[in-house]
Amino acid sequence: MRPAAAGPGAAERRLRVALSGGVPDRVPVLPKIWVDLAAALMGTDLRDVLEDPLAALQVIARAALSVGADAARQFHFPARRTAGRDGKLCEVDDRGAVVGRIDLDGGLATLLDDARAFRIEDPACMAYHQHRTSDEPFVRSVADARRIAVPDRRILRELGWAQRQQAVIDEVADRICLIGDCGSATLAFAALMRGLHRALVDLIDDPPLVHAIMEKGAAIAVERGALALQQGIKVLRLNDSAANMSVISPAHWREFVLPHMRDVCTELHAGDPEALVYCHICGNVLPVIEDLLETGIDCIGPLDPLGGFTAAEARGRVGDRAALMGGVDTQSFTRRGPTDVLQEARRCIAGAGGRGGFVLGSGCVIPRTAPRANLEALTAAADRYGRYAGGALADPDAR
């Protein structure tokens, strides 16, 4: 573990202050860089990332540093053997037999040829549940849900999570804030276990099944977060991209998502008072943005403009009761130039960051084809328009 005396670096201090609702020296920058974009930025073969879980952690941290970001998310990938088959990249077992096709157009998960290859009662399988998908549901009943294994910190250490993460901490933690990923505890987790269509129908047809699955999702998220906290990573990401009002109703969100998300936040804060948890819910969250405060979340993100609202509108609804993160349209990173991104970022800073408590970033994951200059424009915007003097923004162009 990092020596306690070393303390956080400047970037981590900046992010922690903002996530705590305070006023840092300037607005911190956190673009949502996934491993595919990171590999492109660093000239790394994506196949190396898919096969080597340490490379997956390293490439995101290095890519974030290379564009001047203050923080980098960390995702634990499984070690996978890959091979080309019929023009597609596939995961193969030790004998070279195909396990399934890797989704290179989406989240890089393996679409299993046989759903039985995924065993929900196996902690090692559940540790990497987001990296395996199937046309058939992994969970079919409440009884199945109760069989879902919760990989605890001991199991995650045995799988090498702590050792690999420590290697990245040793390499970059004095220069950038590393963010631990709790995964999803709620609807996105249910969708992984059931398939998205089935998971949405379950909200109406089988509420007990939904809650049973989410209880396990919450327990898994807590264990992941707790391991990161034990390694000195104090900022945690809790994801549920599916649980937005572009997909479900506010009533369903309050019934199913809120209680389990609250359980995760309560457990993580109780385990470490320094823990700072932010949510990643893209799409429209305005109808439940004040309900999100009831979960105990420290920061609401990523303020996705594609959900039909702005960072300024989000700030108007929550006031100073929570930090906010994000705001820049992901499409801007591929459809516009650096000057446009900079000006859009400036509007986000002015709209949500006037009194601190704001982290500049993208409204969702940045496409893998985004040019480096457009990511660097975020940091340029924070440097020029996101500096504070006397507790207020000091925009040099504002007259």
Protein backbone atom coordinates (compact mmCIF):
# COMPACT_ATOMS: atom_id res chain seq x y z
CA MET A 1 0.00 0.00 0.00
CA ARG A 2 1.07 3.58 -0.56
CA PRO A 3 2.75 5.00 2.58
CA ALA A 4 0.30 7.10 4.54
CA ALA A 5 2.89 9.83 4.93
CA ALA A 6 3.00 10.39 1.19
CA GLY A 7 -0.56 11.72 1.12
CA PRO A 8 -2.53 12.51 -2.01
CA GLY A 9 -0.98 14.41 -4.90
CA ALA A 10 -2.24 17.77 -6.16
CA ALA A 11 -4.65 16.24 -8.69
CA GLU A 12 -6.19 13.96 -6.09
CA ARG A 13 -6.54 16.80 -3.58
CA ARG A 14 -8.24 18.92 -6.24
CA LEU A 15 -10.72 16.18 -7.07
CA ARG A 16 -11.47 15.33 -3.45
CA VAL A 17 -12.18 18.96 -2.59
CA ALA A 18 -14.56 19.31 -5.53
CA LEU A 19 -16.35 16.02 -4.78
CA SER A 20 -16.76 17.15 -1.18
CA GLY A 21 -18.58 20.25 -2.45
CA GLY A 22 -15.66 22.56 -1.78
CA VAL A 23 -13.75 25.08 -3.87
CA PRO A 24 -10.43 23.73 -5.24
CA ASP A 25 -7.73 25.79 -6.95
CA ARG A 26 -9.42 25.01 -10.26
CA VAL A 27 -12.16 22.78 -11.65
CA PRO A 28 -10.81 19.22 -11.90
CA VAL A 29 -11.08 17.32 -15.18
CA LEU A 30 -12.31 13.74 -15.54
CA PRO A 31 -13.02 12.61 -19.12
CA LYS A 32 -14.74 9.22 -19.31
CA ILE A 33 -11.94 7.24 -20.97
CA TRP A 34 -12.67 3.55 -21.61
CA VAL A 35 -9.96 1.05 -22.53
CA ASP A 36 -10.63 1.23 -26.28
CA LEU A 37 -10.02 4.98 -26.46
CA ALA A 38 -7.11 4.68 -24.05
CA ALA A 39 -5.49 2.06 -26.26
CA ALA A 40 -5.93 4.28 -29.32
CA LEU A 41 -4.44 7.30 -27.55
CA MET A 42 -1.43 5.33 -26.33
CA GLY A 43 -0.84 3.32 -29.51
CA THR A 44 -1.53 0.06 -27.65
CA ASP A 45 -2.98 -2.95 -29.43
CA LEU A 46 -6.49 -3.46 -28.07
CA ARG A 47 -5.90 -7.18 -28.07
CA ASP A 48 -3.10 -6.73 -25.53
CA VAL A 49 -5.59 -4.96 -23.28
CA LEU A 50 -8.16 -7.73 -23.67
CA GLU A 51 -5.62 -10.40 -22.75
CA ASP A 52 -3.74 -8.67 -19.94
CA PRO A 53 -5.75 -7.21 -17.00
CA LEU A 54 -2.76 -5.18 -15.79
CA ALA A 55 -2.47 -3.57 -19.22
CA ALA A 56 -6.16 -2.60 -19.01
CA LEU A 57 -5.56 -0.73 -15.74
CA GLN A 58 -2.34 0.86 -16.94
CA VAL A 59 -3.50 2.07 -20.33
CA ILE A 60 -6.39 4.13 -18.94
CA ALA A 61 -4.21 5.75 -16.29
CA ARG A 62 -1.50 6.57 -18.82
CA ALA A 63 -3.98 7.89 -21.38
CA ALA A 64 -5.61 10.15 -18.79
CA LEU A 65 -2.22 11.52 -17.81
CA SER A 66 -1.32 12.09 -21.44
CA VAL A 67 -4.31 14.42 -22.00
CA GLY A 68 -3.81 16.34 -18.76
CA ALA A 69 -6.73 14.85 -16.81
CA ASP A 70 -6.83 14.96 -13.02
CA ALA A 71 -8.30 11.49 -12.60
CA ALA A 72 -8.58 8.09 -14.26
CA ARG A 73 -11.17 5.39 -13.73
CA GLN A 74 -9.90 1.85 -13.16
CA PHE A 75 -11.57 -1.31 -14.47
CA HIS A 76 -10.54 -4.86 -13.64
CA PHE A 77 -10.64 -7.07 -16.73
CA PRO A 78 -10.28 -10.85 -16.79
CA ALA A 79 -7.30 -12.46 -18.46
CA ARG A 80 -8.59 -13.77 -21.78
CA ARG A 81 -7.02 -15.80 -24.55
CA THR A 82 -8.05 -14.44 -27.94
CA ALA A 83 -7.92 -15.71 -31.50
CA GLY A 84 -9.32 -14.71 -34.87
CA ARG A 85 -12.10 -16.92 -36.18
CA ASP A 86 -14.00 -16.27 -39.44
CA GLY A 87 -13.02 -12.62 -39.43
CA LYS A 88 -14.07 -12.09 -35.80
CA LEU A 89 -12.08 -11.82 -32.60
CA CYS A 90 -13.06 -14.56 -30.18
CA GLU A 91 -12.18 -15.67 -26.68
CA VAL A 92 -10.79 -19.19 -26.64
CA ASP A 93 -10.08 -21.65 -23.84
CA ASP A 94 -6.78 -23.34 -23.01
CA ARG A 95 -7.37 -25.89 -25.78
CA GLY A 96 -8.09 -23.21 -28.38
CA ALA A 97 -11.83 -23.93 -28.51
CA VAL A 98 -14.03 -20.88 -29.00
CA VAL A 99 -15.78 -19.64 -25.86
CA GLY A 100 -17.56 -16.79 -27.61
CA ARG A 101 -17.22 -13.73 -29.81
CA ILE A 102 -15.82 -10.53 -28.26
CA ASP A 103 -18.05 -7.50 -28.82
CA LEU A 104 -15.57 -5.12 -30.42
CA ASP A 105 -18.36 -2.73 -31.40
CA GLY A 106 -19.56 -2.27 -27.81
CA GLY A 107 -18.28 -2.99 -24.33
CA LEU A 108 -15.71 -5.67 -25.25
CA ALA A 109 -17.59 -8.41 -23.40
CA THR A 110 -17.52 -12.01 -24.60
CA LEU A 111 -20.87 -13.19 -25.98
CA LEU A 112 -20.81 -16.77 -24.76
CA ASP A 113 -21.74 -19.55 -27.16
CA ASP A 114 -23.09 -21.51 -24.19
CA ALA A 115 -24.61 -19.64 -21.23
CA ARG A 116 -23.81 -22.65 -19.03
CA ALA A 117 -20.15 -21.63 -19.20
CA PHE A 118 -21.05 -18.81 -16.81
CA ARG A 119 -21.65 -20.11 -13.29
CA ILE A 120 -23.38 -17.61 -11.03
CA GLU A 121 -22.43 -19.59 -7.93
CA ASP A 122 -18.71 -19.25 -8.77
CA PRO A 123 -17.14 -16.15 -7.15
CA ALA A 124 -14.48 -15.96 -9.87
CA CYS A 125 -17.15 -15.84 -12.58
CA MET A 126 -19.11 -13.19 -10.70
CA ALA A 127 -15.99 -11.08 -10.21
CA TYR A 128 -15.99 -10.54 -13.97
CA HIS A 129 -19.72 -10.70 -14.63
CA GLN A 130 -19.76 -7.55 -16.77
CA HIS A 131 -17.29 -9.13 -19.20
CA ARG A 132 -19.57 -12.08 -20.08
CA THR A 133 -22.91 -11.88 -21.86
CA SER A 134 -25.35 -14.37 -23.32
CA ASP A 135 -28.55 -14.49 -25.35
CA GLU A 136 -29.93 -16.62 -22.52
CA PRO A 137 -30.43 -15.24 -18.99
CA PHE A 138 -27.96 -16.25 -16.30
CA VAL A 139 -30.72 -15.90 -13.68
CA ARG A 140 -34.25 -17.23 -14.17
CA SER A 141 -35.78 -17.14 -10.68
CA VAL A 142 -35.48 -15.76 -7.16
CA ALA A 143 -33.88 -19.07 -6.22
CA ASP A 144 -31.24 -18.50 -8.90
CA ALA A 145 -30.66 -14.96 -7.64
CA ARG A 146 -29.98 -16.27 -4.18
CA ARG A 147 -27.30 -18.55 -5.64
CA ILE A 148 -25.35 -15.59 -7.04
CA ALA A 149 -21.92 -15.60 -5.40
CA VAL A 150 -20.56 -12.39 -3.91
CA PRO A 151 -16.79 -12.25 -4.52
CA ASP A 152 -15.48 -10.70 -1.33
CA ARG A 153 -12.21 -8.83 -0.84
CA ARG A 154 -10.33 -12.05 -0.14
CA ILE A 155 -11.45 -13.57 -3.43
CA LEU A 156 -10.66 -10.38 -5.34
CA ARG A 157 -7.17 -10.39 -3.87
CA GLU A 158 -6.69 -14.02 -4.84
CA LEU A 159 -7.68 -13.06 -8.39
CA GLY A 160 -4.85 -10.50 -8.41
CA TRP A 161 -6.94 -7.33 -8.22
CA ALA A 162 -5.00 -5.75 -5.36
CA GLN A 163 -1.58 -6.67 -6.73
CA ARG A 164 -2.30 -5.24 -10.18
CA GLN A 165 -3.93 -2.14 -8.77
CA GLN A 166 -0.96 -1.55 -6.50
CA ALA A 167 1.35 -1.59 -9.53
CA VAL A 168 -0.65 1.26 -11.06
CA ILE A 169 -0.79 3.12 -7.74
CA ASP A 170 2.99 2.92 -7.48
CA GLU A 171 3.38 4.19 -11.04
CA VAL A 172 1.00 7.15 -11.20
CA ALA A 173 -0.81 7.93 -7.93
CA ASP A 174 1.37 10.95 -7.15
CA ARG A 175 0.33 12.52 -10.48
CA ILE A 176 -3.31 11.57 -10.93
CA CYS A 177 -6.29 10.47 -8.85
CA LEU A 178 -7.21 6.83 -9.43
CA ILE A 179 -10.90 5.97 -9.17
CA GLY A 180 -12.14 2.60 -8.00
CA ASP A 181 -15.00 0.99 -9.89
CA CYS A 182 -17.81 -0.55 -7.84
CA GLY A 183 -19.64 -1.67 -10.98
CA SER A 184 -23.42 -1.57 -10.98
CA ALA A 185 -25.62 -2.59 -8.09
CA THR A 186 -29.01 -1.98 -9.63
CA LEU A 187 -30.70 -2.01 -13.04
CA ALA A 188 -27.58 -2.45 -15.14
CA PHE A 189 -26.62 -5.41 -12.95
CA ALA A 190 -30.09 -6.90 -13.36
CA ALA A 191 -29.77 -6.43 -17.12
CA LEU A 192 -26.48 -8.35 -17.10
CA MET A 193 -28.12 -11.22 -15.24
CA ARG A 194 -31.39 -11.23 -17.20
CA GLY A 195 -30.85 -9.33 -20.45
CA LEU A 196 -32.07 -5.74 -20.80
CA HIS A 197 -35.53 -6.51 -22.22
CA ARG A 198 -36.26 -9.14 -19.56
CA ALA A 199 -34.94 -6.89 -16.80
CA LEU A 200 -37.28 -4.07 -17.84
CA VAL A 201 -40.29 -6.39 -18.03
CA ASP A 202 -39.36 -7.73 -14.58
CA LEU A 203 -39.94 -4.27 -13.09
CA ILE A 204 -43.63 -4.84 -13.77
CA ASP A 205 -44.03 -8.62 -13.81
CA ASP A 206 -41.61 -9.84 -11.13
CA PRO A 207 -40.55 -7.22 -8.53
CA PRO A 208 -39.31 -9.86 -6.03
CA LEU A 209 -36.85 -11.14 -8.63
CA VAL A 210 -35.60 -7.61 -9.34
CA HIS A 211 -34.96 -6.91 -5.67
CA ALA A 212 -33.30 -10.30 -5.14
CA ILE A 213 -30.88 -9.64 -8.00
CA MET A 214 -30.17 -6.07 -6.89
CA GLU A 215 -29.45 -7.17 -3.33
CA LYS A 216 -26.61 -9.29 -4.70
CA GLY A 217 -25.50 -6.50 -7.01
CA ALA A 218 -25.28 -4.14 -4.05
CA ALA A 219 -23.24 -6.64 -2.03
CA ILE A 220 -20.80 -7.11 -4.92
CA ALA A 221 -20.45 -3.35 -5.36
CA VAL A 222 -19.66 -2.87 -1.68
CA GLU A 223 -16.91 -5.52 -1.75
CA ARG A 224 -15.30 -3.96 -4.81
CA GLY A 225 -15.43 -0.51 -3.28
CA ALA A 226 -14.10 -1.73 0.06
CA LEU A 227 -11.06 -3.31 -1.61
CA ALA A 228 -10.25 -0.05 -3.38
CA LEU A 229 -10.62 1.88 -0.12
CA GLN A 230 -8.24 -0.51 1.62
CA GLN A 231 -5.66 0.34 -1.04
CA GLY A 232 -6.00 4.07 -0.44
CA ILE A 233 -8.30 4.78 -3.40
CA LYS A 234 -10.88 7.09 -1.82
CA VAL A 235 -12.95 8.05 -4.88
CA LEU A 236 -15.37 5.39 -6.10
CA ARG A 237 -17.62 5.10 -9.14
CA LEU A 238 -21.05 3.48 -8.89
CA ASN A 239 -22.50 2.82 -12.34
CA ASP A 240 -26.02 2.37 -13.60
CA SER A 241 -26.24 3.67 -17.13
CA ALA A 242 -29.55 1.88 -17.70
CA ALA A 243 -31.38 3.44 -14.76
CA ASN A 244 -32.28 6.77 -16.31
CA MET A 245 -35.59 8.36 -17.24
CA SER A 246 -34.88 7.82 -20.91
CA VAL A 247 -35.42 4.11 -20.12
CA ILE A 248 -37.56 3.73 -16.98
CA SER A 249 -40.09 5.80 -15.05
CA PRO A 250 -39.29 7.87 -11.96
CA ALA A 251 -41.66 5.63 -9.99
CA HIS A 252 -39.74 2.51 -10.96
CA TRP A 253 -36.45 4.24 -10.18
CA ARG A 254 -37.65 5.12 -6.70
CA GLU A 255 -39.04 1.65 -6.08
CA PHE A 256 -36.10 -0.40 -7.28
CA VAL A 257 -32.93 1.63 -7.75
CA LEU A 258 -33.00 4.12 -4.88
CA PRO A 259 -33.03 1.66 -1.94
CA HIS A 260 -30.21 -0.52 -3.25
CA MET A 261 -28.06 2.43 -4.30
CA ARG A 262 -28.60 3.89 -0.84
CA ASP A 263 -27.47 0.61 0.74
CA VAL A 264 -24.20 0.76 -1.21
CA CYS A 265 -23.48 4.37 -0.28
CA THR A 266 -24.33 3.74 3.37
CA GLU A 267 -22.04 0.71 3.61
CA LEU A 268 -19.10 2.38 1.86
CA HIS A 269 -19.33 5.57 3.91
CA ALA A 270 -19.63 3.55 7.11
CA GLY A 271 -16.57 1.51 6.17
CA ASP A 272 -14.45 4.58 5.43
CA PRO A 273 -15.58 8.13 6.31
CA GLU A 274 -13.17 9.48 3.68
CA ALA A 275 -14.91 7.58 0.89
CA LEU A 276 -16.36 9.75 -1.88
CA VAL A 277 -18.87 8.00 -4.13
CA TYR A 278 -20.15 9.36 -7.42
CA CYS A 279 -22.76 7.84 -9.69
CA HIS A 280 -22.59 7.37 -13.43
CA ILE A 281 -26.16 7.50 -14.76
CA CYS A 282 -26.28 8.83 -18.30
CA GLY A 283 -29.48 9.86 -20.05
CA ASN A 284 -32.14 11.93 -18.33
CA VAL A 285 -31.90 12.03 -14.52
CA LEU A 286 -33.60 15.38 -13.86
CA PRO A 287 -36.90 13.82 -12.68
CA VAL A 288 -35.05 11.95 -9.92
CA ILE A 289 -32.05 14.20 -9.33
CA GLU A 290 -33.30 15.27 -5.91
CA ASP A 291 -34.12 11.65 -5.06
CA LEU A 292 -30.49 10.84 -5.86
CA LEU A 293 -29.53 13.00 -2.89
CA GLU A 294 -31.43 10.57 -0.65
CA THR A 295 -29.04 7.76 -1.60
CA GLY A 296 -26.19 9.53 0.17
CA ILE A 297 -24.22 9.87 -3.07
CA ASP A 298 -21.48 12.52 -2.91
CA CYS A 299 -21.56 13.51 -6.56
CA ILE A 300 -24.07 13.16 -9.40
CA GLY A 301 -22.83 12.50 -12.92
CA PRO A 302 -22.31 12.51 -15.77
CA LEU A 303 -24.92 15.22 -16.61
CA ASP A 304 -25.48 13.79 -20.06
CA PRO A 305 -26.76 16.51 -22.44
CA LEU A 306 -28.24 13.76 -24.62
CA GLY A 307 -30.71 13.31 -21.78
CA GLY A 308 -32.13 16.73 -22.59
CA PHE A 309 -30.75 18.92 -19.82
CA THR A 310 -27.69 21.04 -19.05
CA ALA A 311 -25.18 21.18 -16.23
CA ALA A 312 -26.67 24.54 -15.25
CA GLU A 313 -30.16 23.03 -14.95
CA ALA A 314 -28.81 20.24 -12.76
CA ARG A 315 -27.13 22.78 -10.49
CA GLY A 316 -30.36 24.73 -10.30
CA ARG A 317 -32.17 21.65 -9.01
CA VAL A 318 -29.65 20.44 -6.41
CA GLY A 319 -28.07 23.72 -5.35
CA ASP A 320 -25.08 23.12 -3.10
CA ARG A 321 -26.42 19.83 -1.71
CA ALA A 322 -24.22 17.67 -3.93
CA ALA A 323 -21.23 17.90 -6.19
CA LEU A 324 -21.81 17.51 -9.93
CA MET A 325 -19.69 15.94 -12.66
CA GLY A 326 -19.63 15.89 -16.47
CA GLY A 327 -21.75 17.97 -18.81
CA VAL A 328 -19.93 17.95 -22.17
CA ASP A 329 -21.75 16.10 -24.97
CA THR A 330 -19.91 12.93 -25.94
CA GLN A 331 -20.78 13.54 -29.59
CA SER A 332 -18.82 16.79 -29.49
CA PHE A 333 -15.59 14.82 -29.14
CA THR A 334 -15.99 13.30 -32.61
CA ARG A 335 -18.25 15.78 -34.44
CA ARG A 336 -16.63 19.05 -33.43
CA GLY A 337 -13.20 20.55 -33.02
CA PRO A 338 -11.14 21.54 -29.97
CA THR A 339 -12.40 25.13 -29.96
CA ASP A 340 -16.00 23.96 -29.86
CA VAL A 341 -15.27 21.48 -27.06
CA LEU A 342 -13.49 24.18 -25.09
CA GLN A 343 -16.42 26.58 -25.37
CA GLU A 344 -18.92 23.87 -24.44
CA ALA A 345 -16.78 23.01 -21.44
CA ARG A 346 -16.66 26.68 -20.50
CA ARG A 347 -20.46 26.82 -20.44
CA CYS A 348 -20.57 23.75 -18.20
CA ILE A 349 -18.08 25.29 -15.78
CA ALA A 350 -20.02 28.56 -15.64
CA GLY A 351 -23.35 26.76 -15.27
CA ALA A 352 -22.45 24.27 -12.55
CA GLY A 353 -19.10 25.25 -11.09
CA GLY A 354 -19.57 28.81 -9.94
CA ARG A 355 -19.31 27.93 -6.24
CA GLY A 356 -17.10 24.86 -6.52
CA GLY A 357 -18.34 21.31 -6.16
CA PHE A 358 -17.97 20.61 -9.87
CA VAL A 359 -15.87 18.19 -11.92
CA LEU A 360 -15.65 18.83 -15.66
CA GLY A 361 -16.10 15.78 -17.84
CA SER A 362 -17.95 14.09 -20.65
CA GLY A 363 -21.65 13.23 -20.56
CA CYS A 364 -20.78 9.56 -21.03
CA VAL A 365 -17.88 7.48 -22.31
CA ILE A 366 -15.90 9.26 -25.03
CA PRO A 367 -15.94 7.44 -28.41
CA ARG A 368 -12.79 5.55 -29.31
CA THR A 369 -12.33 7.66 -32.46
CA ALA A 370 -12.10 10.96 -30.58
CA PRO A 371 -8.93 12.90 -31.43
CA ARG A 372 -6.49 13.68 -28.66
CA ALA A 373 -6.87 17.44 -29.15
CA ASN A 374 -10.54 17.29 -28.17
CA LEU A 375 -9.74 15.66 -24.83
CA GLU A 376 -6.95 18.13 -24.21
CA ALA A 377 -9.50 20.90 -24.79
CA LEU A 378 -11.23 19.91 -21.53
CA THR A 379 -8.08 20.58 -19.53
CA ALA A 380 -7.47 23.79 -21.48
CA ALA A 381 -10.98 24.96 -20.58
CA ALA A 382 -10.45 24.19 -16.89
CA ASP A 383 -7.09 25.97 -16.91
CA ARG A 384 -8.53 29.09 -18.52
CA TYR A 385 -12.10 29.26 -17.23
CA GLY A 386 -12.12 27.02 -14.16
CA ARG A 387 -9.75 28.76 -11.76
CA TYR A 388 -11.06 30.13 -8.48
CA ALA A 389 -10.10 33.31 -6.69
CA GLY A 390 -11.74 34.24 -3.42
CA GLY A 391 -14.14 31.30 -3.74
CA ALA A 392 -15.49 32.39 -7.14
CA LEU A 393 -14.61 31.58 -10.72
CA ALA A 394 -12.08 33.94 -12.25
CA ASP A 395 -13.05 33.78 -15.96
CA PRO A 396 -10.46 35.97 -17.73
CA ASP A 397 -12.84 36.61 -20.64
CA ALA A 398 -15.81 37.69 -18.51
CA ARG A 399 -16.18 41.46 -18.52
